[in-house]
Amino acid sequence: MIVVNNIKGIIFDLDGTLVTSSLDFRAIKSEIGCPEHEDALKYIHHLPSPELRTAALQVIHRHEMNDALSAQWMPGAQEFVHRCLADNIALAIVTRNSMQSSLIKIRNNKIPINQLKTREDSPPKPDPTALLELAASFGLAKSQVMMVGDYQYDIEAAHNANMVSCLIHRCTYPDNKKPPNHQFSGFAEMSEYFFNPPSQQGTLVWT
């Protein structure tokens, strides 16, 4: 079982965390007219008409559906998920993707996680709503749940929900943002830390 910080539930991001992704966000933003420095979903939300918002979302959906067909497990992710399930750790996925494209990735890779929240279900990360709803569905305190992701929105969502945050795959993280509680090169390192911690490790001191 996970012994660090009494973690009893884990919420995973999907793209770039559990499965690979080839989404070209620069190309997507260019196609919908979103400035490169802006968040695409926030940009779409503020478009001046329903027709423009629908058209832009259709562009994103097309890219996501194409990407979904080639997504595969990230190295070590499948083993880590099955280890968590064997130890009765509650699991869920929160993604900014559409429900349809997310289900394709989950079904094609036989990801054994039943709880899924997409941008159709809750405000997208870094909004903490989906994370808080899942913690409640787990029946766990927020401090017992960890958000695992590969991007700053995942970490910001965890901080906003007062949950433990974990950055996976050593992704670049802005220096001016509150750092994650944990950071690992991949699932093998993460598994070793959480499931086989050295006796002298003790309780993690949050930063």
C-alpha atoms as a PDB file:
ATOM      1  CA  MET A   1       0.000   0.000   0.000  1.00  0.00           C
ATOM      2  CA  ILE A   2       1.030   3.634  -0.392  1.00  0.00           C
ATOM      3  CA  VAL A   3       2.495   4.743   2.935  1.00  0.00           C
ATOM      4  CA  VAL A   4       3.611   8.290   2.110  1.00  0.00           C
ATOM      5  CA  ASN A   5       1.112  10.937   3.269  1.00  0.00           C
ATOM      6  CA  ASN A   6      -1.624   8.307   3.756  1.00  0.00           C
ATOM      7  CA  ILE A   7      -2.685   8.535   0.100  1.00  0.00           C
ATOM      8  CA  LYS A   8      -5.838   6.457  -0.462  1.00  0.00           C
ATOM      9  CA  GLY A   9      -7.044   7.909  -3.759  1.00  0.00           C
ATOM     10  CA  ILE A  10      -5.319   8.999  -6.975  1.00  0.00           C
ATOM     11  CA  ILE A  11      -6.724  11.147  -9.776  1.00  0.00           C
ATOM     12  CA  PHE A  12      -4.804  10.894 -13.043  1.00  0.00           C
ATOM     13  CA  ASP A  13      -4.605  13.207 -15.993  1.00  0.00           C
ATOM     14  CA  LEU A  14      -4.972  11.248 -19.240  1.00  0.00           C
ATOM     15  CA  ASP A  15      -2.906  12.652 -22.145  1.00  0.00           C
ATOM     16  CA  GLY A  16       0.815  12.616 -21.522  1.00  0.00           C
ATOM     17  CA  THR A  17       0.263  11.023 -18.121  1.00  0.00           C
ATOM     18  CA  LEU A  18      -1.409   7.635 -18.545  1.00  0.00           C
ATOM     19  CA  VAL A  19      -1.304   7.531 -22.356  1.00  0.00           C
ATOM     20  CA  THR A  20       0.729   9.074 -25.135  1.00  0.00           C
ATOM     21  CA  SER A  21      -0.550  12.030 -27.105  1.00  0.00           C
ATOM     22  CA  SER A  22       0.463  13.589 -30.407  1.00  0.00           C
ATOM     23  CA  LEU A  23      -1.825  16.632 -30.167  1.00  0.00           C
ATOM     24  CA  ASP A  24      -0.246  19.691 -31.783  1.00  0.00           C
ATOM     25  CA  PHE A  25      -1.589  22.515 -29.643  1.00  0.00           C
ATOM     26  CA  ARG A  26       0.169  25.157 -31.701  1.00  0.00           C
ATOM     27  CA  ALA A  27      -1.605  23.930 -34.834  1.00  0.00           C
ATOM     28  CA  ILE A  28      -4.943  23.745 -33.022  1.00  0.00           C
ATOM     29  CA  LYS A  29      -4.628  27.294 -31.712  1.00  0.00           C
ATOM     30  CA  SER A  30      -3.653  28.554 -35.144  1.00  0.00           C
ATOM     31  CA  GLU A  31      -6.692  26.895 -36.729  1.00  0.00           C
ATOM     32  CA  ILE A  32      -9.158  28.400 -34.254  1.00  0.00           C
ATOM     33  CA  GLY A  33      -7.440  31.796 -34.118  1.00  0.00           C
ATOM     34  CA  CYS A  34      -6.299  31.495 -30.514  1.00  0.00           C
ATOM     35  CA  PRO A  35      -3.166  33.471 -29.580  1.00  0.00           C
ATOM     36  CA  GLU A  36      -0.295  31.123 -28.753  1.00  0.00           C
ATOM     37  CA  HIS A  37       0.043  32.380 -25.173  1.00  0.00           C
ATOM     38  CA  GLU A  38      -3.649  31.832 -24.343  1.00  0.00           C
ATOM     39  CA  ASP A  39      -5.408  28.694 -23.149  1.00  0.00           C
ATOM     40  CA  ALA A  40      -7.510  27.324 -26.011  1.00  0.00           C
ATOM     41  CA  LEU A  41     -10.528  26.294 -23.937  1.00  0.00           C
ATOM     42  CA  LYS A  42     -10.631  29.634 -22.135  1.00  0.00           C
ATOM     43  CA  TYR A  43     -10.319  31.415 -25.479  1.00  0.00           C
ATOM     44  CA  ILE A  44     -13.255  29.452 -26.884  1.00  0.00           C
ATOM     45  CA  HIS A  45     -15.345  30.136 -23.788  1.00  0.00           C
ATOM     46  CA  HIS A  46     -15.027  33.880 -24.428  1.00  0.00           C
ATOM     47  CA  LEU A  47     -15.810  33.821 -28.154  1.00  0.00           C
ATOM     48  CA  PRO A  48     -18.699  36.201 -28.891  1.00  0.00           C
ATOM     49  CA  SER A  49     -21.262  33.758 -30.293  1.00  0.00           C
ATOM     50  CA  PRO A  50     -22.456  30.166 -29.809  1.00  0.00           C
ATOM     51  CA  GLU A  51     -21.743  29.464 -33.480  1.00  0.00           C
ATOM     52  CA  LEU A  52     -18.106  30.485 -33.151  1.00  0.00           C
ATOM     53  CA  ARG A  53     -17.710  28.467 -29.949  1.00  0.00           C
ATOM     54  CA  THR A  54     -19.242  25.391 -31.553  1.00  0.00           C
ATOM     55  CA  ALA A  55     -17.043  25.660 -34.644  1.00  0.00           C
ATOM     56  CA  ALA A  56     -13.882  26.025 -32.555  1.00  0.00           C
ATOM     57  CA  LEU A  57     -14.795  23.074 -30.340  1.00  0.00           C
ATOM     58  CA  GLN A  58     -15.383  20.980 -33.449  1.00  0.00           C
ATOM     59  CA  VAL A  59     -11.817  21.733 -34.563  1.00  0.00           C
ATOM     60  CA  ILE A  60     -10.443  20.604 -31.203  1.00  0.00           C
ATOM     61  CA  HIS A  61     -12.665  17.528 -31.228  1.00  0.00           C
ATOM     62  CA  ARG A  62     -11.411  16.544 -34.689  1.00  0.00           C
ATOM     63  CA  HIS A  63      -7.799  16.734 -33.532  1.00  0.00           C
ATOM     64  CA  GLU A  64      -8.609  14.802 -30.358  1.00  0.00           C
ATOM     65  CA  MET A  65     -10.367  12.018 -32.211  1.00  0.00           C
ATOM     66  CA  ASN A  66      -7.426  11.582 -34.586  1.00  0.00           C
ATOM     67  CA  ASP A  67      -5.062  11.500 -31.621  1.00  0.00           C
ATOM     68  CA  ALA A  68      -7.204   8.986 -29.742  1.00  0.00           C
ATOM     69  CA  LEU A  69      -6.627   6.276 -32.341  1.00  0.00           C
ATOM     70  CA  SER A  70      -2.879   6.144 -31.732  1.00  0.00           C
ATOM     71  CA  ALA A  71      -2.718   6.647 -27.949  1.00  0.00           C
ATOM     72  CA  GLN A  72      -0.862   3.960 -26.001  1.00  0.00           C
ATOM     73  CA  TRP A  73       0.057   3.408 -22.362  1.00  0.00           C
ATOM     74  CA  MET A  74       2.930   5.551 -21.113  1.00  0.00           C
ATOM     75  CA  PRO A  75       5.873   3.440 -19.891  1.00  0.00           C
ATOM     76  CA  GLY A  76       5.169   1.965 -16.474  1.00  0.00           C
ATOM     77  CA  ALA A  77       1.672   3.455 -16.220  1.00  0.00           C
ATOM     78  CA  GLN A  78      -0.206   0.198 -16.686  1.00  0.00           C
ATOM     79  CA  GLU A  79       1.821  -1.560 -14.005  1.00  0.00           C
ATOM     80  CA  PHE A  80       1.365   1.322 -11.586  1.00  0.00           C
ATOM     81  CA  VAL A  81      -2.409   1.419 -12.090  1.00  0.00           C
ATOM     82  CA  HIS A  82      -2.752  -2.330 -11.537  1.00  0.00           C
ATOM     83  CA  ARG A  83      -0.616  -2.088  -8.388  1.00  0.00           C
ATOM     84  CA  CYS A  84      -2.912   0.637  -7.074  1.00  0.00           C
ATOM     85  CA  LEU A  85      -6.001  -1.441  -7.798  1.00  0.00           C
ATOM     86  CA  ALA A  86      -4.478  -4.440  -6.033  1.00  0.00           C
ATOM     87  CA  ASP A  87      -4.026  -2.246  -2.969  1.00  0.00           C
ATOM     88  CA  ASN A  88      -7.605  -0.936  -3.128  1.00  0.00           C
ATOM     89  CA  ILE A  89      -6.578   2.640  -3.908  1.00  0.00           C
ATOM     90  CA  ALA A  90      -9.476   4.628  -5.376  1.00  0.00           C
ATOM     91  CA  LEU A  91      -8.703   5.771  -8.926  1.00  0.00           C
ATOM     92  CA  ALA A  92     -10.170   8.263 -11.376  1.00  0.00           C
ATOM     93  CA  ILE A  93      -9.252  10.252 -14.483  1.00  0.00           C
ATOM     94  CA  VAL A  94      -9.783  13.980 -15.040  1.00  0.00           C
ATOM     95  CA  THR A  95      -9.028  15.302 -18.509  1.00  0.00           C
ATOM     96  CA  ARG A  96      -9.617  18.467 -20.505  1.00  0.00           C
ATOM     97  CA  ASN A  97     -10.417  16.253 -23.498  1.00  0.00           C
ATOM     98  CA  SER A  98     -13.868  15.367 -24.799  1.00  0.00           C
ATOM     99  CA  MET A  99     -15.720  12.371 -23.411  1.00  0.00           C
ATOM    100  CA  GLN A 100     -15.796  10.583 -26.779  1.00  0.00           C
ATOM    101  CA  SER A 101     -12.065  10.816 -27.460  1.00  0.00           C
ATOM    102  CA  SER A 102     -11.220   9.929 -23.863  1.00  0.00           C
ATOM    103  CA  LEU A 103     -13.366   6.797 -23.934  1.00  0.00           C
ATOM    104  CA  ILE A 104     -11.621   5.643 -27.113  1.00  0.00           C
ATOM    105  CA  LYS A 105      -8.238   5.925 -25.412  1.00  0.00           C
ATOM    106  CA  ILE A 106      -9.487   4.158 -22.306  1.00  0.00           C
ATOM    107  CA  ARG A 107     -11.170   1.336 -24.231  1.00  0.00           C
ATOM    108  CA  ASN A 108      -8.353   0.801 -26.745  1.00  0.00           C
ATOM    109  CA  ASN A 109      -5.822   0.485 -23.932  1.00  0.00           C
ATOM    110  CA  LYS A 110      -8.135  -1.376 -21.527  1.00  0.00           C
ATOM    111  CA  ILE A 111      -7.462   1.158 -18.782  1.00  0.00           C
ATOM    112  CA  PRO A 112      -9.223  -0.297 -15.702  1.00  0.00           C
ATOM    113  CA  ILE A 113     -10.394   3.017 -14.256  1.00  0.00           C
ATOM    114  CA  ASN A 114     -14.149   3.530 -14.168  1.00  0.00           C
ATOM    115  CA  GLN A 115     -14.453   7.088 -12.924  1.00  0.00           C
ATOM    116  CA  LEU A 116     -13.868   9.685 -15.654  1.00  0.00           C
ATOM    117  CA  LYS A 117     -14.520  13.415 -15.802  1.00  0.00           C
ATOM    118  CA  THR A 118     -14.019  15.380 -19.015  1.00  0.00           C
ATOM    119  CA  ARG A 119     -14.600  18.987 -20.015  1.00  0.00           C
ATOM    120  CA  GLU A 120     -18.277  18.145 -20.616  1.00  0.00           C
ATOM    121  CA  ASP A 121     -18.696  17.158 -16.961  1.00  0.00           C
ATOM    122  CA  SER A 122     -16.940  19.928 -15.053  1.00  0.00           C
ATOM    123  CA  PRO A 123     -15.021  23.160 -15.647  1.00  0.00           C
ATOM    124  CA  PRO A 124     -11.594  22.228 -17.068  1.00  0.00           C
ATOM    125  CA  LYS A 125      -8.444  22.145 -14.955  1.00  0.00           C
ATOM    126  CA  PRO A 126      -7.011  24.145 -13.234  1.00  0.00           C
ATOM    127  CA  ASP A 127     -10.527  24.568 -11.835  1.00  0.00           C
ATOM    128  CA  PRO A 128     -10.698  22.138  -8.881  1.00  0.00           C
ATOM    129  CA  THR A 129     -14.389  21.201  -9.219  1.00  0.00           C
ATOM    130  CA  ALA A 130     -13.842  17.776 -10.806  1.00  0.00           C
ATOM    131  CA  LEU A 131     -11.170  16.865  -8.257  1.00  0.00           C
ATOM    132  CA  LEU A 132     -13.375  17.837  -5.329  1.00  0.00           C
ATOM    133  CA  GLU A 133     -16.333  15.909  -6.725  1.00  0.00           C
ATOM    134  CA  LEU A 134     -14.200  12.798  -7.102  1.00  0.00           C
ATOM    135  CA  ALA A 135     -12.744  13.054  -3.597  1.00  0.00           C
ATOM    136  CA  ALA A 136     -16.308  13.193  -2.298  1.00  0.00           C
ATOM    137  CA  SER A 137     -17.270  10.169  -4.404  1.00  0.00           C
ATOM    138  CA  PHE A 138     -14.266   8.294  -2.980  1.00  0.00           C
ATOM    139  CA  GLY A 139     -15.447   9.125   0.533  1.00  0.00           C
ATOM    140  CA  LEU A 140     -11.977  10.473   1.290  1.00  0.00           C
ATOM    141  CA  ALA A 141     -10.616  13.663   2.775  1.00  0.00           C
ATOM    142  CA  LYS A 142      -8.964  15.960   0.252  1.00  0.00           C
ATOM    143  CA  SER A 143      -5.619  15.418   1.982  1.00  0.00           C
ATOM    144  CA  GLN A 144      -5.857  11.688   1.205  1.00  0.00           C
ATOM    145  CA  VAL A 145      -6.146  12.233  -2.558  1.00  0.00           C
ATOM    146  CA  MET A 146      -3.305  12.916  -5.000  1.00  0.00           C
ATOM    147  CA  MET A 147      -3.545  14.459  -8.470  1.00  0.00           C
ATOM    148  CA  VAL A 148      -0.989  13.067 -10.932  1.00  0.00           C
ATOM    149  CA  GLY A 149      -0.323  14.896 -14.187  1.00  0.00           C
ATOM    150  CA  ASP A 150       2.281  16.101 -16.652  1.00  0.00           C
ATOM    151  CA  TYR A 151       1.306  19.762 -16.972  1.00  0.00           C
ATOM    152  CA  GLN A 152       0.972  22.844 -14.827  1.00  0.00           C
ATOM    153  CA  TYR A 153      -2.844  22.797 -14.984  1.00  0.00           C
ATOM    154  CA  ASP A 154      -2.818  19.423 -13.215  1.00  0.00           C
ATOM    155  CA  ILE A 155      -0.647  20.758 -10.417  1.00  0.00           C
ATOM    156  CA  GLU A 156      -2.593  24.009 -10.147  1.00  0.00           C
ATOM    157  CA  ALA A 157      -5.866  22.068  -9.938  1.00  0.00           C
ATOM    158  CA  ALA A 158      -4.448  19.977  -7.097  1.00  0.00           C
ATOM    159  CA  HIS A 159      -3.311  23.083  -5.232  1.00  0.00           C
ATOM    160  CA  ASN A 160      -6.689  24.719  -5.799  1.00  0.00           C
ATOM    161  CA  ALA A 161      -8.376  21.627  -4.343  1.00  0.00           C
ATOM    162  CA  ASN A 162      -5.926  21.415  -1.406  1.00  0.00           C
ATOM    163  CA  MET A 163      -4.828  17.975  -2.537  1.00  0.00           C
ATOM    164  CA  VAL A 164      -1.414  16.394  -2.907  1.00  0.00           C
ATOM    165  CA  SER A 165       0.136  17.201  -6.298  1.00  0.00           C
ATOM    166  CA  CYS A 166       2.456  15.027  -8.364  1.00  0.00           C
ATOM    167  CA  LEU A 167       4.227  15.988 -11.606  1.00  0.00           C
ATOM    168  CA  ILE A 168       5.153  12.948 -13.689  1.00  0.00           C
ATOM    169  CA  HIS A 169       7.670  12.494 -16.506  1.00  0.00           C
ATOM    170  CA  ARG A 170       9.863  15.407 -15.298  1.00  0.00           C
ATOM    171  CA  CYS A 171       7.954  17.913 -17.394  1.00  0.00           C
ATOM    172  CA  THR A 172       8.933  21.571 -17.407  1.00  0.00           C
ATOM    173  CA  TYR A 173       7.177  23.517 -14.669  1.00  0.00           C
ATOM    174  CA  PRO A 174       7.066  27.323 -14.392  1.00  0.00           C
ATOM    175  CA  ASP A 175       9.403  28.771 -11.774  1.00  0.00           C
ATOM    176  CA  ASN A 176       6.798  31.330 -10.725  1.00  0.00           C
ATOM    177  CA  LYS A 177       4.193  28.699  -9.819  1.00  0.00           C
ATOM    178  CA  LYS A 178       3.790  26.854  -6.528  1.00  0.00           C
ATOM    179  CA  PRO A 179       5.801  23.647  -7.039  1.00  0.00           C
ATOM    180  CA  PRO A 180       4.307  20.150  -6.919  1.00  0.00           C
ATOM    181  CA  ASN A 181       4.570  18.107  -3.751  1.00  0.00           C
ATOM    182  CA  HIS A 182       6.172  15.292  -5.732  1.00  0.00           C
ATOM    183  CA  GLN A 183       8.002  15.072  -9.046  1.00  0.00           C
ATOM    184  CA  PHE A 184       9.158  11.898 -10.783  1.00  0.00           C
ATOM    185  CA  SER A 185      10.877  10.936 -14.024  1.00  0.00           C
ATOM    186  CA  GLY A 186       8.272   8.265 -14.683  1.00  0.00           C
ATOM    187  CA  PHE A 187       6.028   5.648 -13.145  1.00  0.00           C
ATOM    188  CA  ALA A 188       8.881   3.305 -12.259  1.00  0.00           C
ATOM    189  CA  GLU A 189      10.461   5.932 -10.011  1.00  0.00           C
ATOM    190  CA  MET A 190       7.058   6.918  -8.645  1.00  0.00           C
ATOM    191  CA  SER A 191       6.170   3.321  -7.826  1.00  0.00           C
ATOM    192  CA  GLU A 192       9.450   2.783  -6.005  1.00  0.00           C
ATOM    193  CA  TYR A 193       8.916   5.902  -3.920  1.00  0.00           C
ATOM    194  CA  PHE A 194       5.330   5.211  -2.927  1.00  0.00           C
ATOM    195  CA  PHE A 195       5.277   1.439  -2.636  1.00  0.00           C
ATOM    196  CA  ASN A 196       8.833   0.735  -1.455  1.00  0.00           C
ATOM    197  CA  PRO A 197       9.964   3.821   0.469  1.00  0.00           C
ATOM    198  CA  PRO A 198      13.184   3.577   2.462  1.00  0.00           C
ATOM    199  CA  SER A 199      12.612   3.236   6.194  1.00  0.00           C
ATOM    200  CA  GLN A 200      14.359   6.535   6.867  1.00  0.00           C
ATOM    201  CA  GLN A 201      12.078   8.397   4.477  1.00  0.00           C
ATOM    202  CA  GLY A 202       9.461   9.182   7.107  1.00  0.00           C
ATOM    203  CA  THR A 203       6.641  11.569   6.362  1.00  0.00           C
ATOM    204  CA  LEU A 204       7.053  13.898   3.433  1.00  0.00           C
ATOM    205  CA  VAL A 205       7.317  17.558   4.344  1.00  0.00           C
ATOM    206  CA  TRP A 206       5.186  19.549   1.907  1.00  0.00           C
ATOM    207  CA  THR A 207       6.725  22.501   0.114  1.00  0.00           C
END
